[in-house]
Protein backbone atom coordinates (compact mmCIF):
# COMPACT_ATOMS: atom_id res chain seq x y z
CA UNK A 1 -111.47 -62.92 79.89
CA UNK A 2 -111.17 -62.49 76.10
CA UNK A 3 -109.14 -64.98 74.11
CA UNK A 4 -105.46 -64.10 73.89
CA UNK A 5 -105.02 -65.44 70.38
CA UNK A 6 -104.66 -61.93 68.95
CA UNK A 7 -102.01 -60.89 71.48
CA UNK A 8 -98.29 -60.91 70.62
CA UNK A 9 -96.91 -64.44 70.79
CA UNK A 10 -93.22 -63.78 71.38
CA UNK A 11 -91.30 -61.78 73.93
CA UNK A 12 -88.50 -59.52 72.67
CA UNK A 13 -85.31 -61.53 72.30
CA UNK A 14 -82.90 -60.76 75.16
CA UNK A 15 -79.41 -59.46 74.36
CA UNK A 16 -76.73 -62.06 73.64
CA UNK A 17 -75.59 -63.75 76.81
CA UNK A 18 -72.42 -62.49 78.46
CA UNK A 19 -71.81 -65.47 80.72
CA UNK A 20 -69.30 -63.85 83.07
CA UNK A 21 -71.48 -60.78 83.53
CA UNK A 22 -74.60 -62.93 84.10
CA UNK A 23 -72.90 -65.05 86.78
CA UNK A 24 -71.32 -62.03 88.49
CA UNK A 25 -74.64 -60.15 88.58
CA UNK A 26 -76.44 -63.21 89.93
CA UNK A 27 -73.88 -63.77 92.69
CA UNK A 28 -74.33 -60.18 93.84
CA UNK A 29 -78.15 -60.22 93.71
CA UNK A 30 -79.11 -63.63 95.10
CA UNK A 31 -78.91 -65.33 98.53
CA UNK A 32 -75.69 -67.20 99.35
CA UNK A 33 -77.61 -70.52 99.28
CA UNK A 34 -78.10 -70.09 95.52
CA UNK A 35 -74.50 -69.15 94.67
CA UNK A 36 -73.33 -72.75 94.04
CA UNK A 37 -75.97 -73.04 91.33
CA UNK A 38 -74.73 -70.03 89.40
CA UNK A 39 -71.12 -71.14 89.73
CA UNK A 40 -72.13 -74.52 88.29
CA UNK A 41 -74.12 -72.84 85.52
CA UNK A 42 -70.98 -70.97 84.41
CA UNK A 43 -68.77 -74.05 84.38
CA UNK A 44 -71.29 -76.36 82.66
CA UNK A 45 -72.17 -73.76 80.02
CA UNK A 46 -68.49 -73.14 79.24
CA UNK A 47 -67.93 -76.88 78.80
CA UNK A 48 -71.16 -77.21 76.79
CA UNK A 49 -72.42 -80.01 79.05
CA UNK A 50 -76.07 -79.40 78.19
CA UNK A 51 -77.54 -82.50 79.86
CA UNK A 52 -75.76 -81.84 83.14
CA UNK A 53 -76.73 -78.18 82.88
CA UNK A 54 -80.38 -79.19 82.44
CA UNK A 55 -80.24 -81.29 85.61
CA UNK A 56 -78.66 -78.43 87.55
CA UNK A 57 -81.33 -76.02 86.26
CA UNK A 58 -84.02 -78.45 87.47
CA UNK A 59 -82.46 -78.38 90.93
CA UNK A 60 -82.35 -74.59 90.86
CA UNK A 61 -85.98 -74.17 89.78
CA UNK A 62 -87.07 -76.61 92.51
CA UNK A 63 -85.23 -74.66 95.21
CA UNK A 64 -87.74 -72.54 97.20
CA UNK A 65 -85.35 -69.55 97.36
CA UNK A 66 -85.13 -69.43 93.57
CA UNK A 67 -88.72 -68.26 93.06
CA UNK A 68 -88.02 -64.50 92.68
CA UNK A 69 -85.23 -65.23 90.17
CA UNK A 70 -86.75 -67.98 88.02
CA UNK A 71 -88.16 -65.82 85.24
CA UNK A 72 -84.92 -63.83 84.82
CA UNK A 73 -82.76 -66.97 84.79
CA UNK A 74 -84.99 -68.55 82.16
CA UNK A 75 -85.19 -65.44 79.95
CA UNK A 76 -81.62 -64.18 80.30
CA UNK A 77 -79.75 -67.48 80.60
CA UNK A 78 -81.72 -70.53 79.45
CA UNK A 79 -83.12 -68.85 76.36
CA UNK A 80 -79.61 -68.32 74.99
CA UNK A 81 -79.00 -72.06 74.52
CA UNK A 82 -82.54 -73.51 74.64
CA UNK A 83 -82.22 -75.05 71.16
CA UNK A 84 -79.45 -77.32 72.50
CA UNK A 85 -81.66 -78.75 75.27
CA UNK A 86 -84.14 -81.59 75.23
CA UNK A 87 -87.28 -79.72 74.21
CA UNK A 88 -89.57 -81.61 76.59
CA UNK A 89 -87.28 -80.70 79.50
CA UNK A 90 -87.20 -77.12 78.29
CA UNK A 91 -91.00 -76.93 78.29
CA UNK A 92 -91.21 -78.53 81.74
CA UNK A 93 -88.89 -75.82 83.07
CA UNK A 94 -90.73 -73.07 81.20
CA UNK A 95 -94.15 -74.08 82.54
CA UNK A 96 -92.80 -74.20 86.09
CA UNK A 97 -91.26 -70.75 85.68
CA UNK A 98 -94.49 -69.35 84.23
CA UNK A 99 -96.30 -69.96 87.53
CA UNK A 100 -94.23 -67.13 89.03
CA UNK A 101 -95.89 -64.62 86.66
CA UNK A 102 -98.99 -63.17 88.30
CA UNK A 103 -100.37 -61.11 85.44
CA UNK A 104 -102.60 -63.32 83.22
CA UNK A 105 -101.68 -61.66 79.93
CA UNK A 106 -97.97 -61.70 80.80
CA UNK A 107 -98.10 -65.37 81.74
CA UNK A 108 -99.85 -66.32 78.49
CA UNK A 109 -97.40 -64.17 76.52
CA UNK A 110 -94.50 -65.98 78.21
CA UNK A 111 -95.94 -69.44 77.41
CA UNK A 112 -96.95 -68.52 73.85
CA UNK A 113 -93.47 -67.14 73.27
CA UNK A 114 -91.99 -70.54 74.14
CA UNK A 115 -94.61 -72.23 71.93
CA UNK A 116 -93.57 -70.11 68.96
CA UNK A 117 -90.02 -71.48 69.33
CA UNK A 118 -91.03 -75.17 69.61
CA UNK A 119 -91.17 -77.26 66.43
CA UNK A 120 -94.54 -79.02 66.58
CA UNK A 121 -93.38 -81.82 64.26
CA UNK A 122 -89.97 -82.73 65.70
CA UNK A 123 -90.87 -82.04 69.37
CA UNK A 124 -94.44 -83.33 69.56
CA UNK A 125 -94.50 -84.23 73.24
CA UNK A 126 -93.09 -80.83 74.19
CA UNK A 127 -95.66 -79.17 71.93
CA UNK A 128 -98.58 -81.04 73.55
CA UNK A 129 -97.30 -80.36 77.08
CA UNK A 130 -96.96 -76.66 76.39
CA UNK A 131 -100.37 -76.41 74.70
CA UNK A 132 -101.98 -78.17 77.68
CA UNK A 133 -100.38 -75.68 80.06
CA UNK A 134 -101.47 -72.75 77.92
CA UNK A 135 -104.99 -74.19 77.92
CA UNK A 136 -104.88 -74.48 81.71
CA UNK A 137 -103.72 -70.89 82.09
CA UNK A 138 -106.65 -69.76 79.94
CA UNK A 139 -109.01 -71.92 82.02
CA UNK A 140 -107.80 -70.34 85.26
CA UNK A 141 -108.47 -66.90 83.81
CA UNK A 142 -111.93 -67.85 82.56
CA UNK A 143 -111.33 -68.21 78.81
CA UNK A 144 -113.28 -71.47 78.25
CA UNK A 145 -113.42 -71.02 74.49
CA UNK A 146 -109.65 -70.56 74.24
CA UNK A 147 -109.13 -73.53 76.57
CA UNK A 148 -111.24 -75.82 74.39
CA UNK A 149 -109.46 -74.69 71.22
CA UNK A 150 -106.02 -75.47 72.66
CA UNK A 151 -107.25 -78.77 74.15
CA UNK A 152 -108.53 -79.91 70.76
CA UNK A 153 -105.29 -78.91 69.04
CA UNK A 154 -103.22 -80.76 71.65
CA UNK A 155 -105.40 -83.87 71.36
CA UNK A 156 -104.92 -84.10 67.59
CA UNK A 157 -101.20 -84.60 68.20
CA UNK A 158 -101.45 -86.62 71.43
CA UNK A 159 -103.92 -89.10 69.94
CA UNK A 160 -101.41 -90.32 67.38
CA UNK A 161 -98.40 -90.56 69.70
CA UNK A 162 -97.20 -93.78 71.34
CA UNK A 163 -95.13 -94.23 74.48
CA UNK A 164 -95.94 -90.72 75.69
CA UNK A 165 -94.26 -89.35 78.82
CA UNK A 166 -96.70 -89.55 81.74
CA UNK A 167 -96.20 -85.85 82.50
CA UNK A 168 -97.56 -85.01 79.04
CA UNK A 169 -100.62 -87.22 79.46
CA UNK A 170 -101.20 -85.90 82.98
CA UNK A 171 -101.15 -82.27 81.82
CA UNK A 172 -103.65 -82.93 79.05
CA UNK A 173 -106.08 -84.99 81.12
CA UNK A 174 -105.93 -82.55 84.02
CA UNK A 175 -106.91 -79.55 81.92
CA UNK A 176 -109.57 -81.60 80.10
CA UNK A 177 -111.14 -82.74 83.39
CA UNK A 178 -111.10 -79.27 84.90
CA UNK A 179 -112.51 -77.77 81.70
CA UNK A 180 -115.57 -80.01 81.96
CA UNK A 181 -115.85 -79.13 85.64
CA UNK A 182 -115.92 -75.45 84.69
CA UNK A 183 -118.64 -76.21 82.15
CA UNK A 184 -120.68 -77.86 84.92
CA UNK A 185 -120.31 -74.75 87.08
CA UNK A 186 -121.61 -72.70 84.15
CA UNK A 187 -124.67 -74.93 83.85
CA UNK A 188 -125.25 -77.31 86.76
CA UNK A 189 -128.14 -79.02 84.93
CA UNK A 190 -125.88 -80.11 82.03
CA UNK A 191 -125.56 -83.81 82.92
CA UNK A 192 -123.71 -84.42 79.65
CA UNK A 193 -120.58 -82.82 81.15
CA UNK A 194 -120.32 -85.11 84.20
CA UNK A 195 -119.27 -88.20 82.23
CA UNK A 196 -116.33 -86.54 80.40
CA UNK A 197 -115.19 -85.00 83.70
CA UNK A 198 -115.33 -88.46 85.31
CA UNK A 199 -113.44 -90.10 82.42
CA UNK A 200 -110.68 -87.50 82.16
CA UNK A 201 -110.21 -87.26 85.93
CA UNK A 202 -109.62 -91.01 86.21
CA UNK A 203 -107.19 -90.84 83.28
CA UNK A 204 -105.37 -87.96 84.98
CA UNK A 205 -105.11 -89.90 88.25
CA UNK A 206 -103.69 -92.87 86.32
CA UNK A 207 -100.78 -90.64 85.25
CA UNK A 208 -99.79 -89.31 88.68
CA UNK A 209 -98.81 -90.60 92.10
CA UNK A 210 -101.85 -89.62 94.14
CA UNK A 211 -99.92 -89.75 97.42
CA UNK A 212 -97.06 -87.46 96.36
CA UNK A 213 -98.23 -85.40 93.38
CA UNK A 214 -101.44 -84.11 94.95
CA UNK A 215 -101.86 -82.22 98.21
CA UNK A 216 -104.36 -83.51 100.76
CA UNK A 217 -106.76 -80.70 99.76
CA UNK A 218 -106.44 -81.62 96.08
CA UNK A 219 -107.07 -85.29 96.84
CA UNK A 220 -110.19 -84.46 98.85
CA UNK A 221 -111.57 -82.12 96.19
CA UNK A 222 -110.86 -84.56 93.34
CA UNK A 223 -112.46 -87.47 95.22
CA UNK A 224 -115.52 -85.36 96.05
CA UNK A 225 -115.95 -84.17 92.46
CA UNK A 226 -115.51 -87.68 91.08
CA UNK A 227 -118.20 -88.96 93.43
CA UNK A 228 -120.67 -86.24 92.41
CA UNK A 229 -119.97 -86.82 88.71
CA UNK A 230 -120.46 -90.58 89.15
CA UNK A 231 -123.87 -89.98 90.69
CA UNK A 232 -125.05 -87.41 88.16
CA UNK A 233 -123.41 -88.67 84.96
CA UNK A 234 -126.24 -89.91 82.78
CA UNK A 235 -124.06 -92.60 81.16
CA UNK A 236 -122.12 -93.75 84.25
CA UNK A 237 -123.51 -96.99 85.68
CA UNK A 238 -120.31 -98.77 86.64
CA UNK A 239 -118.46 -97.35 89.63
CA UNK A 240 -116.01 -100.23 90.06
CA UNK A 241 -112.95 -98.41 88.68
CA UNK A 242 -113.48 -95.49 91.05
CA UNK A 243 -114.27 -97.68 94.05
CA UNK A 244 -110.93 -99.46 93.73
CA UNK A 245 -108.95 -96.23 93.36
CA UNK A 246 -106.98 -94.96 96.39
CA UNK A 247 -108.24 -91.41 95.73
CA UNK A 248 -111.43 -92.34 97.62
CA UNK A 249 -109.42 -92.80 100.81
CA UNK A 250 -109.26 -89.01 100.92
CA UNK A 251 -112.96 -88.98 101.87
CA UNK A 252 -112.44 -91.09 105.01
CA UNK A 253 -113.13 -89.28 108.29
CA UNK A 254 -114.18 -86.06 106.54
CA UNK A 255 -117.51 -84.32 106.05
CA UNK A 256 -117.75 -86.21 102.76
CA UNK A 257 -117.27 -89.76 104.05
CA UNK A 258 -120.96 -90.47 103.39
CA UNK A 259 -120.31 -89.85 99.67
CA UNK A 260 -117.95 -92.83 99.67
CA UNK A 261 -120.64 -94.96 101.35
CA UNK A 262 -123.15 -93.79 98.77
CA UNK A 263 -120.82 -94.80 95.91
CA UNK A 264 -120.60 -98.34 97.28
CA UNK A 265 -124.37 -98.33 97.77
CA UNK A 266 -124.95 -97.48 94.10
CA UNK A 267 -122.47 -100.10 92.95
CA UNK A 268 -124.31 -102.72 94.99
CA UNK A 269 -127.70 -101.50 93.75
CA UNK A 270 -128.79 -101.46 97.39
CA UNK A 271 -131.97 -99.39 97.56
CA UNK A 272 -132.34 -99.79 101.32
CA UNK A 273 -128.95 -98.21 101.99
CA UNK A 274 -129.73 -95.51 99.41
CA UNK A 275 -132.88 -94.54 101.29
CA UNK A 276 -130.95 -94.53 104.58
CA UNK A 277 -128.37 -92.10 103.17
CA UNK A 278 -130.89 -89.87 101.34
CA UNK A 279 -131.43 -87.58 104.39
CA UNK A 280 -127.81 -86.43 103.94
CA UNK A 281 -128.43 -85.16 100.39
CA UNK A 282 -129.17 -81.57 101.55
CA UNK A 283 -125.46 -81.33 102.39
CA UNK A 284 -124.91 -81.46 98.61
CA UNK A 285 -127.76 -79.37 97.11
CA UNK A 286 -126.99 -80.63 93.59
CA UNK A 287 -127.85 -84.17 94.73
CA UNK A 288 -131.05 -83.05 96.45
CA UNK A 289 -132.10 -81.18 93.29
CA UNK A 290 -131.54 -84.33 91.23
CA UNK A 291 -133.21 -86.81 93.60
CA UNK A 292 -135.68 -88.19 90.97
CA UNK A 293 -132.76 -88.92 88.63
CA UNK A 294 -130.76 -90.56 91.43
CA UNK A 295 -133.77 -92.65 92.44
CA UNK A 296 -134.13 -93.94 88.89
CA UNK A 297 -130.39 -94.59 88.72
CA UNK A 298 -130.32 -96.70 91.90
CA UNK A 299 -133.27 -98.70 90.54
CA UNK A 300 -131.33 -99.35 87.31
CA UNK A 301 -128.27 -100.36 89.36
CA UNK A 302 -130.47 -102.70 91.42
CA UNK A 303 -131.77 -104.26 88.21
CA UNK A 304 -128.24 -104.74 86.84
CA UNK A 305 -127.04 -106.26 90.11
CA UNK A 306 -130.06 -108.58 90.27
CA UNK A 307 -129.38 -109.86 86.76
CA UNK A 308 -125.65 -110.17 87.41
CA UNK A 309 -126.22 -112.37 90.46
CA UNK A 310 -128.28 -114.85 88.46
CA UNK A 311 -126.90 -117.75 86.49
CA UNK A 312 -126.88 -117.35 82.72
CA UNK A 313 -129.71 -119.92 82.40
CA UNK A 314 -131.85 -118.13 85.01
CA UNK A 315 -132.25 -114.66 83.58
CA UNK A 316 -135.91 -114.68 82.65
CA UNK A 317 -137.49 -112.52 85.33
CA UNK A 318 -141.10 -111.67 85.98
CA UNK A 319 -142.12 -108.04 86.32
CA UNK A 320 -143.18 -108.87 89.87
CA UNK A 321 -139.68 -110.11 90.76
CA UNK A 322 -138.09 -107.02 89.24
CA UNK A 323 -140.56 -104.80 91.13
CA UNK A 324 -139.52 -106.44 94.40
CA UNK A 325 -135.80 -106.10 93.60
CA UNK A 326 -136.12 -102.43 92.64
CA UNK A 327 -138.92 -101.42 95.04
CA UNK A 328 -140.98 -100.06 92.18
CA UNK A 329 -144.69 -100.51 91.45
CA UNK A 330 -145.21 -103.29 88.91
CA UNK A 331 -146.66 -100.84 86.39
CA UNK A 332 -143.33 -98.92 86.33
CA UNK A 333 -141.14 -101.97 85.68
CA UNK A 334 -141.60 -101.98 81.91
CA UNK A 335 -140.41 -98.37 81.66
CA UNK A 336 -137.35 -99.21 83.81
CA UNK A 337 -136.42 -102.15 81.57
CA UNK A 338 -136.86 -100.02 78.44
CA UNK A 339 -134.58 -97.40 79.99
CA UNK A 340 -131.93 -100.04 80.76
CA UNK A 341 -132.18 -101.35 77.19
CA UNK A 342 -131.87 -97.84 75.70
CA UNK A 343 -128.75 -97.15 77.84
CA UNK A 344 -127.30 -100.48 76.64
CA UNK A 345 -126.96 -101.67 80.23
CA UNK A 346 -128.69 -104.91 79.29
CA UNK A 347 -129.86 -106.75 76.19
CA UNK A 348 -132.91 -108.92 75.93
CA UNK A 349 -136.61 -108.88 75.19
CA UNK A 350 -139.89 -108.11 76.89
CA UNK A 351 -143.01 -110.27 76.99
CA UNK A 352 -145.71 -107.78 77.84
CA UNK A 353 -148.46 -110.39 77.85
CA UNK A 354 -146.79 -112.68 80.41
CA UNK A 355 -145.08 -109.68 82.05
CA UNK A 356 -141.61 -111.18 81.84
CA UNK A 357 -138.18 -109.91 80.78
CA UNK A 358 -135.63 -112.24 79.23
CA UNK A 359 -132.15 -110.81 79.78
CA UNK A 360 -129.41 -112.20 77.52
CA UNK A 361 -126.52 -109.86 78.35
CA UNK A 362 -125.39 -107.45 81.06
CA UNK A 363 -122.94 -104.60 80.47
CA UNK A 364 -119.38 -105.70 81.43
CA UNK A 365 -118.37 -104.22 84.75
CA UNK A 366 -115.32 -103.54 86.85
CA UNK A 367 -116.17 -105.63 89.91
CA UNK A 368 -115.66 -104.70 93.54
CA UNK A 369 -113.88 -107.18 95.82
CA UNK A 370 -117.22 -108.31 97.24
CA UNK A 371 -118.60 -108.94 93.74
CA UNK A 372 -115.45 -110.84 92.76
CA UNK A 373 -115.88 -112.99 95.89
CA UNK A 374 -119.48 -113.74 94.94
CA UNK A 375 -118.40 -114.63 91.40
CA UNK A 376 -115.72 -116.95 92.81
CA UNK A 377 -118.37 -118.70 94.92
CA UNK A 378 -120.56 -119.22 91.87
CA UNK A 379 -117.59 -120.48 89.88
CA UNK A 380 -116.77 -122.94 92.69
CA UNK A 381 -120.34 -124.22 92.68
CA UNK A 382 -120.18 -124.65 88.90
CA UNK A 383 -116.91 -126.63 89.20
CA UNK A 384 -118.48 -128.89 91.87
CA UNK A 385 -121.49 -129.47 89.65
CA UNK A 386 -119.22 -130.29 86.71
CA UNK A 387 -117.30 -132.76 88.93
CA UNK A 388 -120.48 -134.56 89.94
CA UNK A 389 -121.52 -134.87 86.30
CA UNK A 390 -118.10 -136.32 85.49
CA UNK A 391 -118.44 -138.88 88.30
CA UNK A 392 -121.85 -139.98 87.02
CA UNK A 393 -120.62 -140.25 83.44
CA UNK A 394 -117.35 -142.12 84.15
CA UNK A 395 -118.91 -145.63 84.68
CA UNK A 396 -120.92 -145.33 81.45
CA UNK A 397 -117.87 -144.22 79.47
CA UNK A 398 -115.81 -147.10 80.90
CA UNK A 399 -118.52 -149.65 80.07
CA UNK A 400 -118.82 -148.38 76.53
CA UNK A 401 -115.05 -148.68 76.05
């Protein structure tokens, strides 16, 4: 779909509101269940109780029977006094109403018309929310270039705001995540797009209540896509944040439950479990096509996990030990370590003569519960060792005193 930037940006202004006529027409044209709303609209508007009127409008737009009348109410009624309303609330109502417009150009015209009446400086959150929704509408209709332009414009404002309403953040991160997903569909071999999808999806989920704001189908799809992006992202080597997120529960007892098992397998760096699950890869052709990459990734994860399990003073490892941990031939170990160093997963040095790697640092990780338990065990052992040293030193200290 071509970009809509050259299309008109404002709908014709409706005639001045005749409140009595509007209410009377509405009462004659709408179901009886909606009549109390219009009666309240008339009273609240007359008394200029804009906040209470906003709340009543929210109730109306949420009512399932209001759907055929939402656009008319917004254009003929709300638009008359929109400048008196909280602009963020106005945009929230406008974006909800826009979903009732089926024609792509008409929907974008409706949203752009609201945008033209929003002051980007004094109503920054409303401006970002509306831009994010315009970007999403363009994304749905296939205008990736227009989507990216609006995303970038929205981010310039959002990046400098503090204490932003979660609905604003959620709208931006949702369109950003789905934009990168669309880019992946355009070019499935573009591994560079998996990491930004993964990042923005997790940020989006942090802004919503997964249990109530997403349908079961949306939860399943989001969990599936996050899993695939974690596997194929060429900079994603820490799955801890995703593994602890309730979104993964959506995979339980579905055709994708093995993806959840595979995520835990990668996080553990468990090559045996990886090989046991590999026969399921044909169910996800993109994983089967990228098997060599996934094999290298599980070897890197095994290396990271092996280093992590060792004490800080025991991180000089022979190539033979690393080969056993990663199930690689010894002559491929050096390349694996160089890859880990280039990805900044570890720091250290190689002794090619003695065939040893001295690891001085491992990339900080979000730990799973099992890894935290293992760390607690090591910490307990260190405390016991420190206590025994103290007991041996106490007599000498006393004698010296």
